[in-house]
Amino acid sequence: MALGILLAQDLAVVFFLIALPLIAGQALSFSLIAFSKVAALLVGLFIFSKFLLQPLLLNILKSRSQELFRITILALILTTTWLTGEVGLSLELGAFLAGLALAESPYAHQALSDILPFRDTFLAIFFVSIGMLVNLQLVIAQWPLLLAATLAVSIIKFLAAVLATMLCRKPLRVAILSGFLLFQAGEFSFVFLKGAMDLALISDTIHQITLAVIALTMIATPIIAGQAEQWAATIAAWFGTPPKDIHPEIQEKTGNLTGHVLIAGYGLSGRNIGWLLKQFNIPHLYIELNGTNVQRGKRDGDFIIYGDATSRDVLLEVGIERAKALVLSINDPAAAARTIGTARQLNSKLTILVRTRYVAELEHLHNLGADVVIPDEFEASLQLGNNLMHRFNLNEGRILHAISQLRQQHYNSMVTANAPAQGLSVLDSGQLDYLALPDNSPYLNASLAEIDLRNQAGVTVVGVIRKERTIYNPSGSFRIEQGDTLMLLGANDDMLQASEVLHGHPL
């Protein structure tokens, strides 16, 4: 939300830059010729970005010269900036238009990665130059006015951000958080201030004070942002959020739930968990703060409500005291931490499972009361390693054993849901594989003793998956049917032979 408002602020500066000459009384000098130049430039940029830019960049990339690609990008930016200055518009607007044109290209990501080193360098130069422009003697002499102006700007921007966020029907906590993150004056304020100074719209004293105010709000930003989550949660708790935020119809539906699972977040991981729960007819519902996702969930037929999972009232309304488990699949670590504490207070027997991005957050979330914490980066690394080992045709049992050992060592016994490495060592000498019974198999309706895969292929049938049921350690009299899947344990080479036996011919 805060990022969207920031982008809107930056876009608004473009229109203010265009309006500055009009405010300065230069409207009469804006002749038909000047208007034609601006129109021709805009139309030309549109045609170039729509029809010529992509073929140009494609030909540049075909040369496989990164240096030529970077030079071309810089040339496009500088040329566009120069042209806008020539027709009477600001150079800043020209740079903005060049960025828009590049954003429409399929090579925008590569262009951005090439520009990033220049961005960091120019940003450093930009702030150094701002510091050199500040008149410290004037700032010291006018410090009461400077302090009052800084507080006024911060409060006004804070209230404006809170109001804008609440108008978008976001919870109070999110609105206050947006206010703390957006109270400062942005970098484009310097650009706007310079344009006003060039047109003699403000005096040097006002320019210096305004420059200092902008700089002070930006200096305070990392300090305020570091505490924003905690402050927003505290202030929101003071005001409280009444239970009426939940629709009466939802209250009626959730009032009958017991032993259900609450899923905070309707992203990919949340939807996957819900799909699994649905396969086993386990009642569940989603709590989602994104209105678009809520509408999507309703269209897909999922039980989903709009609400903030960190809110005590919302959790009570969805029956957390009667719930079996809470799954936090949200991308906000601070919100997840607050939800764990609130949920644990409301239901001490609740099983809390948390998805987090980094292993560094695992111990902290576990200490707050989470039963299971799954870090994305660690589990992703295990999947990468698992797939890599299979590329080397290594033994399935040894791979499973090694991964389980690594998982146990890394989690350090804090995550109880992971199976221990002990017990998997029995697979070291064999591969566990699944083999679906062919529809035309000559052994349909035959017993395992009649097939005798142990003597024919050297593998052992350790289980049979039939429809939605798994039969472990089936007896020799067990008969296999069409649609069955056999769980086989044996050497890698023997698996192919077992498949040939069941097919009735060599593969």
Protein backbone atom coordinates (compact mmCIF):
# COMPACT_ATOMS: atom_id res chain seq x y z
CA MET A 1 0.00 0.00 0.00
CA ALA A 2 2.77 2.42 1.00
CA LEU A 3 4.69 1.61 -2.18
CA GLY A 4 1.65 2.39 -4.33
CA ILE A 5 1.18 5.78 -2.65
CA LEU A 6 4.90 6.54 -3.10
CA LEU A 7 4.62 5.84 -6.83
CA ALA A 8 1.52 8.06 -7.05
CA GLN A 9 3.44 10.86 -5.31
CA ASP A 10 6.32 10.59 -7.77
CA LEU A 11 3.93 10.62 -10.73
CA ALA A 12 2.17 13.70 -9.34
CA VAL A 13 5.49 15.60 -9.35
CA VAL A 14 5.52 15.35 -13.15
CA PHE A 15 2.30 17.35 -13.41
CA PHE A 16 3.53 19.89 -10.84
CA LEU A 17 6.70 20.40 -12.88
CA ILE A 18 4.59 21.12 -15.94
CA ALA A 19 2.41 23.51 -13.95
CA LEU A 20 5.30 25.52 -12.48
CA PRO A 21 5.77 27.78 -15.54
CA LEU A 22 2.04 28.55 -15.48
CA ILE A 23 2.23 29.48 -11.79
CA ALA A 24 5.20 31.73 -12.60
CA GLY A 25 3.05 33.64 -15.08
CA GLN A 26 4.62 32.25 -18.22
CA ALA A 27 1.37 31.01 -19.68
CA LEU A 28 1.24 33.72 -22.35
CA SER A 29 4.59 32.67 -23.75
CA PHE A 30 3.29 29.18 -24.45
CA SER A 31 2.61 29.69 -28.16
CA LEU A 32 1.09 27.39 -30.70
CA ILE A 33 4.56 26.58 -32.01
CA ALA A 34 5.73 25.51 -28.56
CA PHE A 35 2.62 23.40 -28.12
CA SER A 36 3.26 21.76 -31.49
CA LYS A 37 6.82 20.94 -30.47
CA VAL A 38 5.68 19.25 -27.27
CA ALA A 39 2.96 17.33 -29.09
CA ALA A 40 5.40 16.22 -31.79
CA LEU A 41 7.88 15.05 -29.13
CA LEU A 42 5.28 13.04 -27.25
CA VAL A 43 3.90 11.43 -30.42
CA GLY A 44 7.43 10.70 -31.61
CA LEU A 45 8.35 9.07 -28.29
CA PHE A 46 5.18 6.97 -28.39
CA ILE A 47 5.88 5.74 -31.93
CA PHE A 48 9.54 5.06 -31.12
CA SER A 49 8.80 3.12 -27.92
CA LYS A 50 5.94 1.19 -29.54
CA PHE A 51 7.46 0.20 -32.87
CA LEU A 52 11.19 0.97 -33.01
CA LEU A 53 12.64 0.49 -29.52
CA GLN A 54 12.14 -3.28 -29.30
CA PRO A 55 13.72 -4.10 -32.70
CA LEU A 56 16.61 -1.76 -31.90
CA LEU A 57 17.35 -3.42 -28.56
CA LEU A 58 16.92 -6.87 -30.10
CA ASN A 59 19.58 -6.13 -32.71
CA ILE A 60 21.86 -4.74 -30.02
CA LEU A 61 21.44 -7.91 -27.95
CA LYS A 62 22.22 -10.07 -30.97
CA SER A 63 25.69 -8.55 -31.00
CA ARG A 64 26.18 -10.11 -27.52
CA SER A 65 27.94 -6.96 -26.37
CA GLN A 66 26.88 -5.87 -22.89
CA GLU A 67 28.88 -2.66 -23.29
CA LEU A 68 26.97 -1.71 -26.45
CA PHE A 69 23.65 -2.45 -24.73
CA ARG A 70 24.54 -0.19 -21.78
CA ILE A 71 25.72 2.60 -24.05
CA THR A 72 22.49 2.37 -26.05
CA ILE A 73 20.34 2.60 -22.90
CA LEU A 74 22.28 5.63 -21.65
CA ALA A 75 22.09 7.26 -25.08
CA LEU A 76 18.31 6.80 -25.17
CA ILE A 77 17.92 8.35 -21.72
CA LEU A 78 20.20 11.30 -22.42
CA THR A 79 18.67 11.96 -25.85
CA THR A 80 15.12 11.93 -24.48
CA THR A 81 16.14 14.23 -21.64
CA TRP A 82 17.84 16.64 -24.05
CA LEU A 83 14.83 16.72 -26.40
CA THR A 84 12.38 17.56 -23.62
CA GLY A 85 14.65 20.41 -22.55
CA GLU A 86 14.77 21.70 -26.14
CA VAL A 87 10.98 21.91 -26.42
CA GLY A 88 10.68 23.81 -23.14
CA LEU A 89 9.91 20.99 -20.71
CA SER A 90 12.01 20.03 -17.70
CA LEU A 91 14.95 17.65 -17.96
CA GLU A 92 13.48 15.61 -15.10
CA LEU A 93 10.33 15.00 -17.14
CA GLY A 94 12.48 13.79 -20.01
CA ALA A 95 14.22 11.23 -17.79
CA PHE A 96 10.82 10.09 -16.55
CA LEU A 97 9.50 9.62 -20.10
CA ALA A 98 12.62 7.65 -21.05
CA GLY A 99 11.98 5.34 -18.10
CA LEU A 100 8.39 4.81 -19.20
CA ALA A 101 9.50 3.94 -22.72
CA LEU A 102 12.06 1.40 -21.47
CA ALA A 103 9.52 -0.12 -19.07
CA GLU A 104 7.35 -1.12 -22.02
CA SER A 105 10.22 -3.09 -23.54
CA PRO A 106 10.61 -6.84 -22.86
CA TYR A 107 14.25 -6.07 -22.06
CA ALA A 108 13.34 -3.67 -19.22
CA HIS A 109 14.72 -5.97 -16.50
CA GLN A 110 18.11 -6.22 -18.17
CA ALA A 111 18.16 -2.47 -18.75
CA LEU A 112 17.37 -1.89 -15.08
CA SER A 113 20.13 -4.23 -13.92
CA ASP A 114 22.63 -2.38 -16.12
CA ILE A 115 21.48 1.03 -14.84
CA LEU A 116 21.53 0.10 -11.13
CA PRO A 117 25.30 0.77 -10.66
CA PHE A 118 24.86 4.22 -12.22
CA ARG A 119 21.79 4.83 -10.06
CA ASP A 120 23.69 4.20 -6.84
CA THR A 121 26.54 6.47 -7.94
CA PHE A 122 24.28 9.31 -9.07
CA LEU A 123 22.18 8.95 -5.91
CA ALA A 124 25.26 9.43 -3.77
CA ILE A 125 26.28 12.48 -5.82
CA PHE A 126 22.72 13.81 -5.60
CA PHE A 127 22.62 13.74 -1.79
CA VAL A 128 26.15 15.10 -1.48
CA SER A 129 25.13 18.05 -3.66
CA ILE A 130 22.01 18.59 -1.53
CA GLY A 131 24.16 18.70 1.60
CA MET A 132 26.47 21.26 -0.04
CA LEU A 133 23.48 23.48 -0.86
CA VAL A 134 22.26 23.72 2.74
CA ASN A 135 23.24 26.95 4.50
CA LEU A 136 24.01 25.79 8.04
CA GLN A 137 24.22 29.33 9.44
CA LEU A 138 20.71 30.10 8.21
CA VAL A 139 19.41 26.79 9.49
CA ILE A 140 20.87 27.42 12.98
CA ALA A 141 19.46 30.95 13.06
CA GLN A 142 16.00 29.77 12.03
CA TRP A 143 15.89 26.48 13.99
CA PRO A 144 12.50 27.14 15.71
CA LEU A 145 10.86 27.76 12.35
CA LEU A 146 12.71 24.78 10.88
CA LEU A 147 11.57 22.45 13.66
CA ALA A 148 7.94 23.63 13.42
CA ALA A 149 7.94 23.23 9.64
CA THR A 150 9.40 19.72 9.87
CA LEU A 151 6.77 18.64 12.40
CA ALA A 152 3.99 20.22 10.33
CA VAL A 153 5.06 18.47 7.11
CA SER A 154 5.45 15.13 8.90
CA ILE A 155 2.06 15.33 10.64
CA ILE A 156 0.21 16.46 7.52
CA LYS A 157 1.74 13.71 5.40
CA PHE A 158 1.13 11.14 8.14
CA LEU A 159 -2.56 12.03 8.38
CA ALA A 160 -2.95 12.17 4.60
CA ALA A 161 -1.44 8.67 4.22
CA VAL A 162 -3.63 7.27 7.03
CA LEU A 163 -6.77 8.78 5.48
CA ALA A 164 -5.90 7.57 1.96
CA THR A 165 -5.24 4.04 3.21
CA MET A 166 -8.46 3.90 5.22
CA LEU A 167 -10.42 5.13 2.19
CA CYS A 168 -9.10 2.01 0.46
CA ARG A 169 -10.83 0.02 3.24
CA LYS A 170 -7.61 -1.19 4.83
CA PRO A 171 -7.47 -1.99 8.58
CA LEU A 172 -6.44 0.72 11.02
CA ARG A 173 -3.09 -0.96 11.72
CA VAL A 174 -2.17 -0.92 8.03
CA ALA A 175 -3.31 2.69 7.67
CA ILE A 176 -1.18 3.85 10.61
CA LEU A 177 1.77 1.83 9.33
CA SER A 178 1.43 3.54 5.93
CA GLY A 179 1.42 6.92 7.70
CA PHE A 180 4.69 6.17 9.50
CA LEU A 181 6.31 4.97 6.27
CA LEU A 182 5.15 7.97 4.21
CA PHE A 183 5.57 10.92 6.58
CA GLN A 184 8.78 12.09 4.90
CA ALA A 185 9.21 14.34 1.87
CA GLY A 186 10.46 12.36 -1.12
CA GLU A 187 13.51 12.84 -3.31
CA PHE A 188 11.40 14.37 -6.06
CA SER A 189 10.70 17.27 -3.68
CA PHE A 190 14.24 18.48 -4.39
CA VAL A 191 13.48 18.43 -8.10
CA PHE A 192 10.26 20.39 -7.59
CA LEU A 193 12.02 22.83 -5.25
CA LYS A 194 14.77 23.45 -7.82
CA GLY A 195 12.18 24.13 -10.51
CA ALA A 196 10.44 26.65 -8.27
CA MET A 197 13.76 28.33 -7.45
CA ASP A 198 14.76 28.57 -11.13
CA LEU A 199 11.47 30.35 -11.87
CA ALA A 200 11.96 32.73 -8.93
CA LEU A 201 8.78 31.54 -7.24
CA ILE A 202 10.43 31.38 -3.80
CA SER A 203 13.10 33.38 -1.99
CA ASP A 204 16.50 32.03 -1.05
CA THR A 205 15.53 31.91 2.65
CA ILE A 206 12.42 29.82 1.98
CA HIS A 207 14.48 27.63 -0.36
CA GLN A 208 17.07 26.95 2.35
CA ILE A 209 14.49 26.22 5.05
CA THR A 210 12.49 23.95 2.75
CA LEU A 211 15.68 22.18 1.71
CA ALA A 212 16.53 21.53 5.34
CA VAL A 213 13.01 20.35 6.17
CA ILE A 214 13.07 17.80 3.34
CA ALA A 215 16.51 16.59 4.42
CA LEU A 216 15.45 16.24 8.08
CA THR A 217 12.36 14.20 7.25
CA MET A 218 14.47 11.88 5.11
CA ILE A 219 17.09 11.52 7.87
CA ALA A 220 14.34 10.55 10.32
CA THR A 221 12.83 7.97 7.94
CA PRO A 222 15.01 4.92 8.81
CA ILE A 223 14.56 5.64 12.55
CA ILE A 224 10.76 5.87 12.30
CA ALA A 225 10.49 2.98 9.83
CA GLY A 226 12.36 0.68 12.20
CA GLN A 227 9.70 1.16 14.89
CA ALA A 228 6.71 1.63 12.57
CA GLU A 229 5.35 -1.91 12.88
CA GLN A 230 5.36 -1.86 16.68
CA TRP A 231 3.94 1.66 16.94
CA ALA A 232 1.20 0.94 14.42
CA ALA A 233 0.13 -2.20 16.27
CA THR A 234 0.12 -0.37 19.63
CA ILE A 235 -1.90 2.60 18.39
CA ALA A 236 -4.37 0.33 16.58
CA ALA A 237 -4.81 -1.64 19.82
CA TRP A 238 -5.65 1.57 21.70
CA PHE A 239 -8.53 2.31 19.38
CA GLY A 240 -9.50 -1.35 19.01
CA THR A 241 -11.40 -2.91 16.11
CA PRO A 242 -14.95 -3.95 16.99
CA PRO A 243 -16.23 -7.37 15.96
CA LYS A 244 -18.74 -5.73 13.63
CA ASP A 245 -15.95 -5.61 11.05
CA ILE A 246 -16.95 -9.24 10.32
CA HIS A 247 -20.14 -9.66 8.33
CA PRO A 248 -23.03 -11.28 10.28
CA GLU A 249 -23.32 -13.96 7.60
CA ILE A 250 -19.69 -14.93 8.19
CA GLN A 251 -20.27 -14.99 11.95
CA GLU A 252 -23.08 -17.46 11.38
CA LYS A 253 -20.90 -19.72 9.21
CA THR A 254 -17.89 -19.67 11.51
CA GLY A 255 -20.02 -20.18 14.64
CA ASN A 256 -20.63 -23.81 13.66
CA LEU A 257 -16.98 -24.61 12.96
CA THR A 258 -14.89 -26.70 15.32
CA GLY A 259 -11.60 -28.48 14.82
CA HIS A 260 -11.06 -26.40 11.69
CA VAL A 261 -7.89 -24.91 10.21
CA LEU A 262 -7.34 -21.18 9.79
CA ILE A 263 -5.10 -20.12 6.90
CA ALA A 264 -3.77 -16.55 6.99
CA GLY A 265 -2.95 -15.56 3.43
CA TYR A 266 -4.41 -16.57 0.08
CA GLY A 267 -1.15 -16.70 -1.84
CA LEU A 268 0.22 -19.76 -3.61
CA SER A 269 1.31 -21.54 -0.41
CA GLY A 270 -2.00 -20.79 1.30
CA ARG A 271 -4.01 -22.08 -1.65
CA ASN A 272 -1.90 -25.26 -1.84
CA ILE A 273 -2.49 -25.98 1.84
CA GLY A 274 -6.20 -25.39 1.36
CA TRP A 275 -6.25 -27.78 -1.60
CA LEU A 276 -4.65 -30.51 0.51
CA LEU A 277 -7.12 -29.95 3.33
CA LYS A 278 -9.96 -30.16 0.85
CA GLN A 279 -8.76 -33.58 -0.36
CA PHE A 280 -9.23 -34.94 3.16
CA ASN A 281 -12.46 -33.03 3.86
CA ILE A 282 -10.88 -31.01 6.68
CA PRO A 283 -12.85 -27.79 7.31
CA HIS A 284 -10.81 -24.65 6.79
CA LEU A 285 -11.10 -20.98 5.96
CA TYR A 286 -8.82 -18.22 4.73
CA ILE A 287 -8.14 -14.82 6.30
CA GLU A 288 -6.91 -12.39 3.64
CA LEU A 289 -6.12 -8.67 3.68
CA ASN A 290 -5.90 -8.21 -0.09
CA GLY A 291 -9.31 -7.38 -1.55
CA THR A 292 -8.40 -8.75 -4.99
CA ASN A 293 -7.42 -12.09 -3.49
CA VAL A 294 -10.65 -12.20 -1.47
CA GLN A 295 -12.70 -11.76 -4.63
CA ARG A 296 -10.65 -14.43 -6.37
CA GLY A 297 -11.18 -16.85 -3.49
CA LYS A 298 -14.92 -16.29 -3.54
CA ARG A 299 -15.03 -16.91 -7.29
CA ASP A 300 -13.13 -20.16 -6.76
CA GLY A 301 -15.63 -21.26 -4.13
CA ASP A 302 -13.27 -21.04 -1.14
CA PHE A 303 -14.41 -19.97 2.33
CA ILE A 304 -12.49 -16.72 2.63
CA ILE A 305 -13.02 -13.56 4.65
CA TYR A 306 -11.51 -10.11 4.42
CA GLY A 307 -9.68 -9.30 7.65
CA ASP A 308 -6.40 -8.73 9.44
CA ALA A 309 -5.06 -11.92 11.03
CA THR A 310 -3.18 -9.86 13.62
CA SER A 311 -6.49 -8.59 15.01
CA ARG A 312 -7.72 -10.31 18.16
CA ASP A 313 -11.34 -9.63 17.23
CA VAL A 314 -10.98 -11.11 13.76
CA LEU A 315 -9.41 -14.27 15.17
CA LEU A 316 -12.22 -14.59 17.70
CA GLU A 317 -14.86 -14.17 15.01
CA VAL A 318 -13.42 -17.04 12.96
CA GLY A 319 -13.48 -19.31 15.99
CA ILE A 320 -9.83 -19.57 16.86
CA GLU A 321 -10.67 -20.91 20.33
CA ARG A 322 -12.28 -23.93 18.62
CA ALA A 323 -9.73 -24.28 15.80
CA LYS A 324 -7.32 -27.19 15.43
CA ALA A 325 -4.51 -25.31 13.70
CA LEU A 326 -3.45 -21.93 12.35
CA VAL A 327 -1.28 -21.69 9.24
CA LEU A 328 0.50 -18.36 8.65
CA SER A 329 1.46 -18.18 4.98
CA ILE A 330 1.84 -14.39 4.86
CA ASN A 331 4.94 -12.51 3.69
CA ASP A 332 5.06 -10.06 6.62
CA PRO A 333 7.37 -11.40 9.39
CA ALA A 334 6.30 -8.71 11.88
CA ALA A 335 2.60 -9.42 11.30
CA ALA A 336 3.25 -13.15 11.63
CA ALA A 337 5.02 -12.62 14.95
CA ARG A 338 2.13 -10.57 16.35
CA THR A 339 -0.40 -13.13 15.13
CA ILE A 340 1.47 -15.95 16.87
CA GLY A 341 1.34 -14.14 20.21
CA THR A 342 -2.34 -13.24 19.90
CA ALA A 343 -3.37 -16.70 18.70
CA ARG A 344 -1.44 -18.44 21.47
CA GLN A 345 -3.19 -16.29 24.09
CA LEU A 346 -6.60 -17.15 22.66
CA ASN A 347 -5.97 -20.90 22.27
CA SER A 348 -3.08 -22.47 24.15
CA LYS A 349 -3.68 -25.87 22.49
CA LEU A 350 -3.67 -24.49 18.96
CA THR A 351 -1.08 -25.88 16.52
CA ILE A 352 0.60 -22.92 14.82
CA LEU A 353 2.51 -23.46 11.59
CA VAL A 354 4.42 -20.56 10.09
CA ARG A 355 6.00 -20.02 6.69
CA THR A 356 8.91 -17.61 6.72
CA ARG A 357 11.45 -16.52 4.17
CA TYR A 358 14.71 -16.88 6.04
CA VAL A 359 16.26 -19.37 8.45
CA ALA A 360 17.38 -16.46 10.66
CA GLU A 361 13.74 -15.90 11.68
CA LEU A 362 13.13 -19.52 12.70
CA GLU A 363 14.27 -19.40 16.34
CA HIS A 364 12.54 -16.08 17.02
CA LEU A 365 9.17 -17.28 15.70
CA HIS A 366 9.51 -20.59 17.51
CA ASN A 367 10.18 -18.79 20.80
CA LEU A 368 7.05 -16.70 20.30
CA GLY A 369 4.96 -19.86 20.32
CA ALA A 370 5.00 -21.34 16.82
CA ASP A 371 4.99 -25.13 16.72
CA VAL A 372 6.35 -25.49 13.19
CA VAL A 373 8.37 -22.92 11.27
CA ILE A 374 9.25 -23.63 7.64
CA PRO A 375 11.87 -21.32 6.07
CA ASP A 376 11.49 -20.95 2.30
CA GLU A 377 15.20 -20.63 1.58
CA PHE A 378 16.11 -23.82 3.46
CA GLU A 379 13.34 -26.04 2.07
CA ALA A 380 14.03 -24.72 -1.44
CA SER A 381 17.71 -25.65 -1.06
CA LEU A 382 16.72 -29.20 -0.05
CA GLN A 383 14.53 -29.54 -3.14
CA LEU A 384 17.33 -28.27 -5.34
CA GLY A 385 19.73 -30.75 -3.77
CA ASN A 386 17.22 -33.58 -4.07
CA ASN A 387 16.74 -32.95 -7.80
CA LEU A 388 20.48 -32.58 -8.35
CA MET A 389 21.22 -35.93 -6.68
CA HIS A 390 18.66 -37.65 -8.91
CA ARG A 391 20.51 -36.27 -11.96
CA PHE A 392 23.47 -38.37 -10.80
CA ASN A 393 21.24 -41.48 -10.61
CA LEU A 394 22.04 -41.91 -6.93
CA ASN A 395 20.18 -44.30 -4.68
CA GLU A 396 16.75 -42.96 -3.62
CA GLY A 397 17.12 -44.27 -0.07
CA ARG A 398 20.50 -42.64 0.45
CA ILE A 399 19.17 -39.33 -0.89
CA LEU A 400 16.19 -39.39 1.49
CA HIS A 401 18.44 -40.35 4.38
CA ALA A 402 20.95 -37.55 3.67
CA ILE A 403 18.23 -34.90 3.27
CA SER A 404 16.53 -35.96 6.47
CA GLN A 405 19.84 -35.80 8.35
CA LEU A 406 20.51 -32.30 6.98
CA ARG A 407 17.02 -31.15 7.92
CA GLN A 408 17.36 -32.50 11.45
CA GLN A 409 20.77 -30.89 11.96
CA HIS A 410 19.62 -27.53 10.63
CA TYR A 411 16.36 -27.27 12.52
CA ASN A 412 18.14 -28.43 15.67
CA SER A 413 15.04 -30.27 16.91
CA MET A 414 12.96 -27.06 16.99
CA VAL A 415 10.60 -28.15 14.23
CA THR A 416 8.85 -31.26 15.44
CA ALA A 417 6.97 -31.96 12.23
CA ASN A 418 10.00 -33.23 10.36
CA ALA A 419 10.68 -36.95 10.37
CA PRO A 420 13.96 -37.95 12.03
CA ALA A 421 16.79 -39.36 10.03
CA GLN A 422 16.75 -42.58 12.02
CA GLY A 423 14.81 -45.29 10.28
CA LEU A 424 15.60 -44.12 6.79
CA SER A 425 18.93 -45.86 6.89
CA VAL A 426 17.11 -49.06 5.95
CA LEU A 427 16.72 -47.53 2.50
CA ASP A 428 20.47 -47.06 2.04
CA SER A 429 20.73 -50.30 0.08
CA GLY A 430 17.60 -49.79 -1.99
CA GLN A 431 15.45 -47.36 -3.91
CA LEU A 432 11.85 -46.60 -2.97
CA ASP A 433 9.79 -46.14 -6.12
CA TYR A 434 6.16 -46.04 -7.23
CA LEU A 435 4.93 -48.05 -10.19
CA ALA A 436 1.41 -47.70 -11.56
CA LEU A 437 -0.05 -51.02 -12.71
CA PRO A 438 -0.54 -50.97 -16.51
CA ASP A 439 -4.17 -51.28 -17.64
CA ASN A 440 -3.22 -54.20 -19.92
CA SER A 441 -0.99 -55.97 -17.42
CA PRO A 442 -1.14 -59.79 -17.58
CA TYR A 443 -1.16 -59.78 -13.77
CA LEU A 444 -4.45 -57.94 -13.26
CA ASN A 445 -6.33 -59.52 -10.32
CA ALA A 446 -3.32 -61.74 -9.58
CA SER A 447 -2.02 -62.12 -6.02
CA LEU A 448 1.38 -60.79 -5.01
CA ALA A 449 2.50 -64.38 -4.37
CA GLU A 450 1.55 -65.32 -7.94
CA ILE A 451 3.47 -62.38 -9.38
CA ASP A 452 6.45 -63.05 -7.10
CA LEU A 453 8.31 -59.82 -7.93
CA ARG A 454 11.01 -60.64 -5.39
CA ASN A 455 12.20 -63.64 -7.40
CA GLN A 456 11.33 -62.29 -10.85
CA ALA A 457 12.84 -58.81 -10.43
CA GLY A 458 14.53 -58.65 -7.02
CA VAL A 459 12.18 -56.01 -5.59
CA THR A 460 9.82 -56.04 -2.61
CA VAL A 461 6.27 -54.70 -2.56
CA VAL A 462 6.07 -52.61 0.63
CA GLY A 463 2.68 -51.04 -0.09
CA VAL A 464 -0.18 -50.64 -2.54
CA ILE A 465 -2.01 -47.37 -3.16
CA ARG A 466 -5.63 -48.05 -4.10
CA LYS A 467 -7.84 -45.03 -4.79
CA GLU A 468 -7.47 -42.84 -1.67
CA ARG A 469 -6.16 -45.62 0.61
CA THR A 470 -2.67 -47.00 1.14
CA ILE A 471 -2.22 -50.65 2.18
CA TYR A 472 1.17 -51.16 3.83
CA ASN A 473 2.99 -54.52 3.93
CA PRO A 474 0.32 -56.41 1.95
CA SER A 475 0.27 -60.19 2.35
CA GLY A 476 1.07 -62.62 -0.45
CA SER A 477 -2.63 -63.34 -0.98
CA PHE A 478 -3.37 -59.67 -1.67
CA ARG A 479 -4.70 -59.26 -5.24
CA ILE A 480 -3.87 -56.20 -7.29
CA GLU A 481 -6.53 -54.44 -9.31
CA GLN A 482 -6.68 -52.00 -12.20
CA GLY A 483 -5.69 -48.52 -11.06
CA ASP A 484 -3.41 -49.75 -8.25
CA THR A 485 0.02 -48.22 -7.69
CA LEU A 486 2.73 -50.44 -6.20
CA MET A 487 5.30 -49.10 -3.73
CA LEU A 488 8.49 -51.01 -4.52
CA LEU A 489 11.78 -51.26 -2.67
CA GLY A 490 14.82 -52.50 -4.54
CA ALA A 491 17.94 -51.66 -6.50
CA ASN A 492 17.76 -49.07 -9.26
CA ASP A 493 18.39 -51.61 -12.04
CA ASP A 494 15.75 -53.97 -10.65
CA MET A 495 13.02 -51.33 -10.95
CA LEU A 496 13.16 -51.49 -14.74
CA GLN A 497 12.94 -55.28 -14.63
CA ALA A 498 9.91 -55.08 -12.31
CA SER A 499 8.22 -52.68 -14.73
CA GLU A 500 8.86 -55.12 -17.61
CA VAL A 501 7.36 -57.97 -15.57
CA LEU A 502 4.18 -56.04 -14.88
CA HIS A 503 3.89 -54.88 -18.50
CA GLY A 504 4.45 -58.41 -19.76
CA HIS A 505 7.09 -57.40 -22.30
CA PRO A 506 10.53 -55.72 -22.45
CA LEU A 507 10.57 -51.91 -22.35
